[in-house]
Each structure stands twice: as C-alpha cells, then as structure tokens.
Amino acid sequence: QEGSVVRVSPVLSESRTGEVEVQLKSTGRRVRPGTFCVVRFVTDLRENVLVVPSTSVVSGSNSPAVYVAQDGTARLEHVAVGLEFRGLREVMGGLSEGDLIVVTNLDDIEDGATIRVIREVDLEPFRR
C-alpha cells in the first residue's frame, strides 16, 4: 500500500526507533490509528539501469570489476557501481547491455583465462 510521509518525530527511542506519520492512499482496507508496521521508503527511483548479480562483482586492483566472457576468454573489466538491491548491483560504467558476465567459479578465474559459456541468464525480469 502506498502513502506519503506527513510527519517525522525528531526523537528516537533507546532502541533507535521513531514515530512517522504516514497518510495512506485509500484502498478500501481499514487501518487503525497507532498501528505498528514495517515500511520501505523509496528514496531514489532509477529505471532502465544496467544491473548484474551482486555476487559477480569482484575486487580487481582495489576497484569493482566483473569478468566479461568474450570469445572463450574471461576478461576482467573494471566497472563503476551504484545502488544494490535484492541481490542486483547497478553498473554505471564499464559494461554495455548485452555483455556476458561470469557469475560462477569466480575464485578460480583470472583475467585472460579460457572459459566456456554453459548458460545465459536474462536479468530483464529482475529490472524495475
């Protein structure tokens, strides 16, 4: 259910919780005042971004990188990364849409290693 923040208490409790007043859009369901709930605040919405599985991002020479599968070879490509959400990492630079990236056996691969692509996975269903 969607809503808008109306008021935020400037004080947190000892357990680091605070009160937030939210005005919900009418959905026909009745919500009682004082109800406790878990909420997710959307602070930034990005659409049509390039994403890779978070686990495919490795530390290459102290900067984020992924292995790109190209002509039977694993090529280490440094990338600029952004937000991470639900197991996917935004890639802001260093990759192009359609690049095949290595997602398994990352500990056993190095730049220039000979590889064989077994299966391609489409991440389109995960994008929003």
N, C-alpha and C. Protein backbone atom coordinates (compact mmCIF):
# COMPACT_ATOMS: atom_id res chain seq x y z
N GLN A 1 0.84 -1.16 0.00
CA GLN A 1 0.00 0.00 0.00
C GLN A 1 0.89 1.23 0.00
N GLU A 2 0.55 2.24 -0.78
CA GLU A 2 1.37 3.44 -0.90
C GLU A 2 0.82 4.57 -0.04
N GLY A 3 1.71 5.46 0.33
CA GLY A 3 1.31 6.61 1.11
C GLY A 3 2.38 7.67 1.08
N SER A 4 2.14 8.74 1.82
CA SER A 4 3.09 9.84 1.89
C SER A 4 3.40 10.15 3.34
N VAL A 5 4.67 10.49 3.60
CA VAL A 5 5.08 10.86 4.95
C VAL A 5 4.53 12.24 5.25
N VAL A 6 3.82 12.35 6.37
CA VAL A 6 3.22 13.62 6.79
C VAL A 6 4.05 14.28 7.88
N ARG A 7 4.57 13.45 8.82
CA ARG A 7 5.31 13.98 9.95
C ARG A 7 6.33 12.96 10.40
N VAL A 8 7.53 13.43 10.78
CA VAL A 8 8.58 12.57 11.32
C VAL A 8 8.98 13.12 12.68
N SER A 9 8.95 12.26 13.69
CA SER A 9 9.36 12.68 15.02
C SER A 9 10.86 12.96 15.02
N PRO A 10 11.29 14.05 15.65
CA PRO A 10 12.72 14.37 15.68
C PRO A 10 13.48 13.58 16.74
N VAL A 11 12.79 12.70 17.49
CA VAL A 11 13.40 11.98 18.60
C VAL A 11 13.31 10.48 18.35
N LEU A 12 14.42 9.77 18.62
CA LEU A 12 14.43 8.31 18.55
C LEU A 12 14.40 7.73 19.95
N SER A 13 13.82 6.54 20.08
CA SER A 13 13.82 5.85 21.37
C SER A 13 15.19 5.23 21.59
N GLU A 14 15.39 4.62 22.77
CA GLU A 14 16.66 3.96 23.06
C GLU A 14 16.94 2.83 22.09
N SER A 15 15.88 2.22 21.56
CA SER A 15 16.06 1.12 20.60
C SER A 15 16.21 1.64 19.17
N ARG A 16 16.38 2.94 19.04
CA ARG A 16 16.60 3.59 17.75
C ARG A 16 15.41 3.48 16.80
N THR A 17 14.21 3.49 17.39
CA THR A 17 13.00 3.53 16.58
C THR A 17 12.37 4.90 16.73
N GLY A 18 11.61 5.29 15.76
CA GLY A 18 10.97 6.59 15.82
C GLY A 18 9.58 6.54 15.24
N GLU A 19 8.84 7.57 15.51
CA GLU A 19 7.47 7.64 15.01
C GLU A 19 7.44 8.43 13.71
N VAL A 20 6.70 7.89 12.77
CA VAL A 20 6.50 8.54 11.48
C VAL A 20 5.01 8.48 11.19
N GLU A 21 4.43 9.60 10.85
CA GLU A 21 3.02 9.63 10.49
C GLU A 21 2.92 9.57 8.97
N VAL A 22 2.16 8.60 8.49
CA VAL A 22 2.02 8.37 7.05
C VAL A 22 0.55 8.46 6.69
N GLN A 23 0.26 9.18 5.62
CA GLN A 23 -1.10 9.23 5.11
C GLN A 23 -1.19 8.24 3.96
N LEU A 24 -2.00 7.21 4.15
CA LEU A 24 -2.13 6.15 3.16
C LEU A 24 -3.16 6.50 2.11
N LYS A 25 -2.91 6.04 0.90
CA LYS A 25 -3.90 6.18 -0.16
C LYS A 25 -5.04 5.22 0.15
N SER A 26 -6.23 5.62 -0.11
CA SER A 26 -7.40 4.79 0.19
C SER A 26 -7.42 3.55 -0.69
N THR A 27 -7.53 2.39 -0.03
CA THR A 27 -7.61 1.13 -0.77
C THR A 27 -8.84 0.35 -0.37
N GLY A 28 -9.64 0.91 0.51
CA GLY A 28 -10.81 0.20 0.99
C GLY A 28 -10.53 -0.62 2.24
N ARG A 29 -9.25 -0.82 2.56
CA ARG A 29 -8.90 -1.55 3.78
C ARG A 29 -8.83 -0.56 4.93
N ARG A 30 -9.27 -1.00 6.08
CA ARG A 30 -9.27 -0.12 7.25
C ARG A 30 -7.99 -0.34 8.05
N VAL A 31 -7.27 0.75 8.31
CA VAL A 31 -6.07 0.72 9.14
C VAL A 31 -6.36 1.57 10.36
N ARG A 32 -6.09 1.01 11.52
CA ARG A 32 -6.40 1.72 12.77
C ARG A 32 -5.26 2.65 13.16
N PRO A 33 -5.57 3.80 13.73
CA PRO A 33 -4.52 4.70 14.22
C PRO A 33 -3.66 3.99 15.26
N GLY A 34 -2.34 4.27 15.25
CA GLY A 34 -1.43 3.68 16.21
C GLY A 34 -0.92 2.31 15.81
N THR A 35 -1.32 1.83 14.65
CA THR A 35 -0.87 0.52 14.18
C THR A 35 0.62 0.53 13.91
N PHE A 36 1.32 -0.52 14.35
CA PHE A 36 2.74 -0.65 14.06
C PHE A 36 2.90 -1.39 12.75
N CYS A 37 3.91 -1.01 11.99
CA CYS A 37 4.13 -1.68 10.71
C CYS A 37 5.59 -1.52 10.30
N VAL A 38 5.96 -2.29 9.31
CA VAL A 38 7.28 -2.18 8.72
C VAL A 38 7.09 -1.48 7.38
N VAL A 39 7.92 -0.48 7.13
CA VAL A 39 7.77 0.29 5.90
C VAL A 39 9.07 0.31 5.11
N ARG A 40 8.96 0.56 3.84
CA ARG A 40 10.12 0.74 2.99
C ARG A 40 9.97 2.11 2.33
N PHE A 41 10.97 2.95 2.54
CA PHE A 41 10.95 4.27 1.96
C PHE A 41 11.74 4.26 0.66
N VAL A 42 11.13 4.71 -0.39
CA VAL A 42 11.81 4.82 -1.68
C VAL A 42 12.44 6.20 -1.72
N THR A 43 13.78 6.22 -1.70
CA THR A 43 14.49 7.50 -1.70
C THR A 43 15.03 7.85 -3.07
N ASP A 44 15.12 6.86 -3.94
CA ASP A 44 15.66 7.10 -5.27
C ASP A 44 15.08 6.04 -6.19
N LEU A 45 14.51 6.45 -7.29
CA LEU A 45 13.94 5.51 -8.25
C LEU A 45 14.71 5.63 -9.54
N ARG A 46 15.29 4.53 -9.95
CA ARG A 46 16.06 4.52 -11.19
C ARG A 46 15.46 3.48 -12.12
N GLU A 47 15.19 3.88 -13.33
CA GLU A 47 14.61 2.97 -14.30
C GLU A 47 15.58 2.75 -15.45
N ASN A 48 15.45 1.58 -16.07
CA ASN A 48 16.26 1.22 -17.23
C ASN A 48 17.76 1.33 -16.95
N VAL A 49 18.17 0.76 -15.81
CA VAL A 49 19.58 0.75 -15.47
C VAL A 49 20.16 -0.63 -15.77
N LEU A 50 21.45 -0.66 -16.01
CA LEU A 50 22.15 -1.91 -16.25
C LEU A 50 22.49 -2.53 -14.90
N VAL A 51 22.12 -3.80 -14.70
CA VAL A 51 22.38 -4.47 -13.43
C VAL A 51 23.07 -5.80 -13.67
N VAL A 52 23.82 -6.23 -12.66
CA VAL A 52 24.46 -7.54 -12.66
C VAL A 52 24.20 -8.16 -11.28
N PRO A 53 24.27 -9.49 -11.17
CA PRO A 53 24.16 -10.08 -9.84
C PRO A 53 25.27 -9.53 -8.93
N SER A 54 24.92 -9.15 -7.73
CA SER A 54 25.90 -8.58 -6.79
C SER A 54 27.09 -9.49 -6.59
N THR A 55 26.85 -10.80 -6.60
CA THR A 55 27.92 -11.76 -6.35
C THR A 55 28.92 -11.84 -7.50
N SER A 56 28.58 -11.27 -8.66
CA SER A 56 29.50 -11.31 -9.80
C SER A 56 30.52 -10.17 -9.76
N VAL A 57 30.32 -9.22 -8.86
CA VAL A 57 31.24 -8.09 -8.75
C VAL A 57 32.39 -8.50 -7.82
N VAL A 58 33.61 -8.40 -8.35
CA VAL A 58 34.81 -8.78 -7.59
C VAL A 58 35.68 -7.54 -7.38
N SER A 59 36.66 -7.65 -6.50
CA SER A 59 37.61 -6.56 -6.29
C SER A 59 38.80 -6.80 -7.21
N GLY A 60 38.91 -6.00 -8.23
CA GLY A 60 40.04 -6.12 -9.15
C GLY A 60 40.93 -4.91 -9.02
N SER A 61 42.15 -5.09 -8.55
CA SER A 61 43.10 -3.98 -8.33
C SER A 61 42.46 -2.87 -7.50
N ASN A 62 41.77 -3.28 -6.43
CA ASN A 62 41.15 -2.36 -5.48
C ASN A 62 39.99 -1.54 -6.03
N SER A 63 39.43 -1.96 -7.15
CA SER A 63 38.22 -1.31 -7.64
C SER A 63 37.27 -2.40 -8.13
N PRO A 64 35.96 -2.13 -8.10
CA PRO A 64 35.00 -3.14 -8.51
C PRO A 64 35.23 -3.56 -9.96
N ALA A 65 35.03 -4.85 -10.22
CA ALA A 65 35.21 -5.38 -11.57
C ALA A 65 34.32 -6.59 -11.76
N VAL A 66 34.10 -6.95 -13.00
CA VAL A 66 33.39 -8.18 -13.35
C VAL A 66 34.20 -8.88 -14.44
N TYR A 67 34.02 -10.18 -14.56
CA TYR A 67 34.62 -10.90 -15.66
C TYR A 67 33.63 -10.96 -16.81
N VAL A 68 34.04 -10.46 -17.95
CA VAL A 68 33.21 -10.49 -19.15
C VAL A 68 33.67 -11.66 -20.01
N ALA A 69 32.71 -12.48 -20.45
CA ALA A 69 33.02 -13.62 -21.33
C ALA A 69 33.06 -13.10 -22.77
N GLN A 70 34.23 -13.23 -23.38
CA GLN A 70 34.40 -12.72 -24.75
C GLN A 70 35.27 -13.69 -25.55
N ASP A 71 34.66 -14.30 -26.56
CA ASP A 71 35.38 -15.23 -27.45
C ASP A 71 36.12 -16.32 -26.67
N GLY A 72 35.45 -16.91 -25.67
CA GLY A 72 36.05 -18.00 -24.92
C GLY A 72 37.08 -17.59 -23.89
N THR A 73 37.16 -16.30 -23.61
CA THR A 73 38.13 -15.78 -22.65
C THR A 73 37.42 -14.94 -21.59
N ALA A 74 37.87 -15.04 -20.35
CA ALA A 74 37.37 -14.18 -19.27
C ALA A 74 38.22 -12.93 -19.23
N ARG A 75 37.58 -11.79 -19.44
CA ARG A 75 38.30 -10.52 -19.44
C ARG A 75 37.84 -9.72 -18.23
N LEU A 76 38.79 -9.33 -17.35
CA LEU A 76 38.45 -8.54 -16.17
C LEU A 76 38.17 -7.11 -16.59
N GLU A 77 36.97 -6.66 -16.32
CA GLU A 77 36.54 -5.31 -16.72
C GLU A 77 36.18 -4.51 -15.48
N HIS A 78 36.89 -3.41 -15.24
CA HIS A 78 36.58 -2.54 -14.11
C HIS A 78 35.29 -1.80 -14.40
N VAL A 79 34.46 -1.69 -13.37
CA VAL A 79 33.14 -1.08 -13.53
C VAL A 79 32.90 -0.04 -12.44
N ALA A 80 32.07 0.92 -12.77
CA ALA A 80 31.58 1.87 -11.78
C ALA A 80 30.23 1.34 -11.32
N VAL A 81 30.08 1.13 -10.01
CA VAL A 81 28.85 0.55 -9.50
C VAL A 81 28.05 1.58 -8.72
N GLY A 82 26.76 1.33 -8.67
CA GLY A 82 25.84 2.21 -7.95
C GLY A 82 25.12 1.45 -6.85
N LEU A 83 23.82 1.60 -6.84
CA LEU A 83 23.00 1.01 -5.79
C LEU A 83 22.95 -0.51 -5.88
N GLU A 84 22.69 -1.13 -4.74
CA GLU A 84 22.50 -2.58 -4.67
C GLU A 84 21.13 -2.83 -4.06
N PHE A 85 20.37 -3.74 -4.68
CA PHE A 85 19.02 -4.02 -4.19
C PHE A 85 18.62 -5.42 -4.62
N ARG A 86 18.17 -6.19 -3.66
CA ARG A 86 17.67 -7.55 -3.91
C ARG A 86 18.64 -8.41 -4.72
N GLY A 87 19.91 -8.34 -4.37
CA GLY A 87 20.90 -9.20 -5.00
C GLY A 87 21.41 -8.73 -6.34
N LEU A 88 21.01 -7.53 -6.76
CA LEU A 88 21.48 -6.97 -8.02
C LEU A 88 22.25 -5.68 -7.75
N ARG A 89 23.29 -5.45 -8.52
CA ARG A 89 24.13 -4.26 -8.38
C ARG A 89 24.02 -3.43 -9.65
N GLU A 90 23.76 -2.16 -9.50
CA GLU A 90 23.69 -1.24 -10.63
C GLU A 90 25.10 -1.01 -11.18
N VAL A 91 25.24 -1.05 -12.49
CA VAL A 91 26.51 -0.76 -13.15
C VAL A 91 26.35 0.53 -13.93
N MET A 92 27.12 1.53 -13.53
CA MET A 92 27.00 2.86 -14.12
C MET A 92 28.03 3.11 -15.22
N GLY A 93 29.01 2.23 -15.34
CA GLY A 93 30.01 2.40 -16.38
C GLY A 93 30.92 1.19 -16.45
N GLY A 94 31.47 0.94 -17.63
CA GLY A 94 32.41 -0.15 -17.81
C GLY A 94 31.83 -1.37 -18.51
N LEU A 95 30.50 -1.45 -18.60
CA LEU A 95 29.83 -2.55 -19.29
C LEU A 95 28.82 -1.97 -20.27
N SER A 96 28.46 -2.80 -21.22
CA SER A 96 27.41 -2.43 -22.17
C SER A 96 26.30 -3.47 -22.07
N GLU A 97 25.09 -3.06 -22.36
CA GLU A 97 23.99 -4.01 -22.37
C GLU A 97 24.30 -5.11 -23.37
N GLY A 98 24.09 -6.34 -22.96
CA GLY A 98 24.38 -7.48 -23.82
C GLY A 98 25.70 -8.15 -23.52
N ASP A 99 26.59 -7.48 -22.75
CA ASP A 99 27.84 -8.14 -22.36
C ASP A 99 27.51 -9.37 -21.53
N LEU A 100 28.21 -10.46 -21.78
CA LEU A 100 28.04 -11.67 -20.99
C LEU A 100 29.03 -11.63 -19.85
N ILE A 101 28.52 -11.77 -18.63
CA ILE A 101 29.42 -11.74 -17.47
C ILE A 101 29.45 -13.11 -16.80
N VAL A 102 30.58 -13.41 -16.20
CA VAL A 102 30.78 -14.66 -15.50
C VAL A 102 30.17 -14.53 -14.11
N VAL A 103 29.37 -15.53 -13.70
CA VAL A 103 28.70 -15.45 -12.41
C VAL A 103 29.04 -16.61 -11.48
N THR A 104 29.78 -17.61 -11.97
CA THR A 104 30.14 -18.75 -11.13
C THR A 104 31.64 -19.00 -11.19
N ASN A 105 32.13 -19.72 -10.20
CA ASN A 105 33.55 -20.09 -10.13
C ASN A 105 34.49 -18.88 -10.19
N LEU A 106 34.07 -17.78 -9.61
CA LEU A 106 34.86 -16.55 -9.69
C LEU A 106 36.21 -16.66 -8.98
N ASP A 107 36.29 -17.50 -7.97
CA ASP A 107 37.56 -17.66 -7.26
C ASP A 107 38.59 -18.41 -8.09
N ASP A 108 38.12 -19.14 -9.10
CA ASP A 108 39.01 -19.96 -9.92
C ASP A 108 39.39 -19.31 -11.25
N ILE A 109 38.95 -18.07 -11.46
CA ILE A 109 39.16 -17.41 -12.75
C ILE A 109 40.12 -16.24 -12.57
N GLU A 110 40.93 -16.02 -13.59
CA GLU A 110 41.77 -14.82 -13.61
C GLU A 110 41.64 -14.20 -15.00
N ASP A 111 42.08 -12.97 -15.10
CA ASP A 111 42.00 -12.25 -16.37
C ASP A 111 42.73 -13.03 -17.46
N GLY A 112 42.04 -13.28 -18.57
CA GLY A 112 42.64 -13.98 -19.70
C GLY A 112 42.43 -15.48 -19.68
N ALA A 113 41.76 -16.00 -18.64
CA ALA A 113 41.52 -17.44 -18.55
C ALA A 113 40.59 -17.92 -19.66
N THR A 114 40.83 -19.13 -20.12
CA THR A 114 39.95 -19.74 -21.11
C THR A 114 38.71 -20.25 -20.40
N ILE A 115 37.54 -19.89 -20.93
CA ILE A 115 36.27 -20.31 -20.31
C ILE A 115 35.32 -20.83 -21.38
N ARG A 116 34.27 -21.48 -20.90
CA ARG A 116 33.21 -21.95 -21.80
C ARG A 116 31.88 -21.49 -21.21
N VAL A 117 31.07 -20.80 -22.00
CA VAL A 117 29.76 -20.34 -21.56
C VAL A 117 28.81 -21.54 -21.60
N ILE A 118 28.25 -21.87 -20.46
CA ILE A 118 27.34 -23.01 -20.36
C ILE A 118 25.89 -22.57 -20.53
N ARG A 119 25.56 -21.43 -19.94
CA ARG A 119 24.17 -20.98 -19.99
C ARG A 119 24.12 -19.46 -19.87
N GLU A 120 23.23 -18.84 -20.61
CA GLU A 120 23.00 -17.41 -20.49
C GLU A 120 21.72 -17.20 -19.70
N VAL A 121 21.74 -16.22 -18.79
CA VAL A 121 20.58 -15.90 -17.97
C VAL A 121 20.15 -14.48 -18.26
N ASP A 122 18.86 -14.30 -18.50
CA ASP A 122 18.32 -12.98 -18.79
C ASP A 122 17.89 -12.32 -17.48
N LEU A 123 18.46 -11.16 -17.16
CA LEU A 123 18.12 -10.45 -15.93
C LEU A 123 16.94 -9.50 -16.10
N GLU A 124 16.39 -9.42 -17.29
CA GLU A 124 15.29 -8.49 -17.57
C GLU A 124 14.13 -8.63 -16.58
N PRO A 125 13.74 -9.85 -16.20
CA PRO A 125 12.63 -9.96 -15.24
C PRO A 125 12.90 -9.32 -13.89
N PHE A 126 14.19 -9.11 -13.54
CA PHE A 126 14.54 -8.54 -12.26
C PHE A 126 14.60 -7.01 -12.28
N ARG A 127 14.59 -6.42 -13.47
CA ARG A 127 14.70 -4.98 -13.58
C ARG A 127 13.36 -4.34 -13.33
N ARG A 128 13.40 -3.18 -12.66
CA ARG A 128 12.17 -2.42 -12.42
C ARG A 128 12.49 -0.97 -12.37
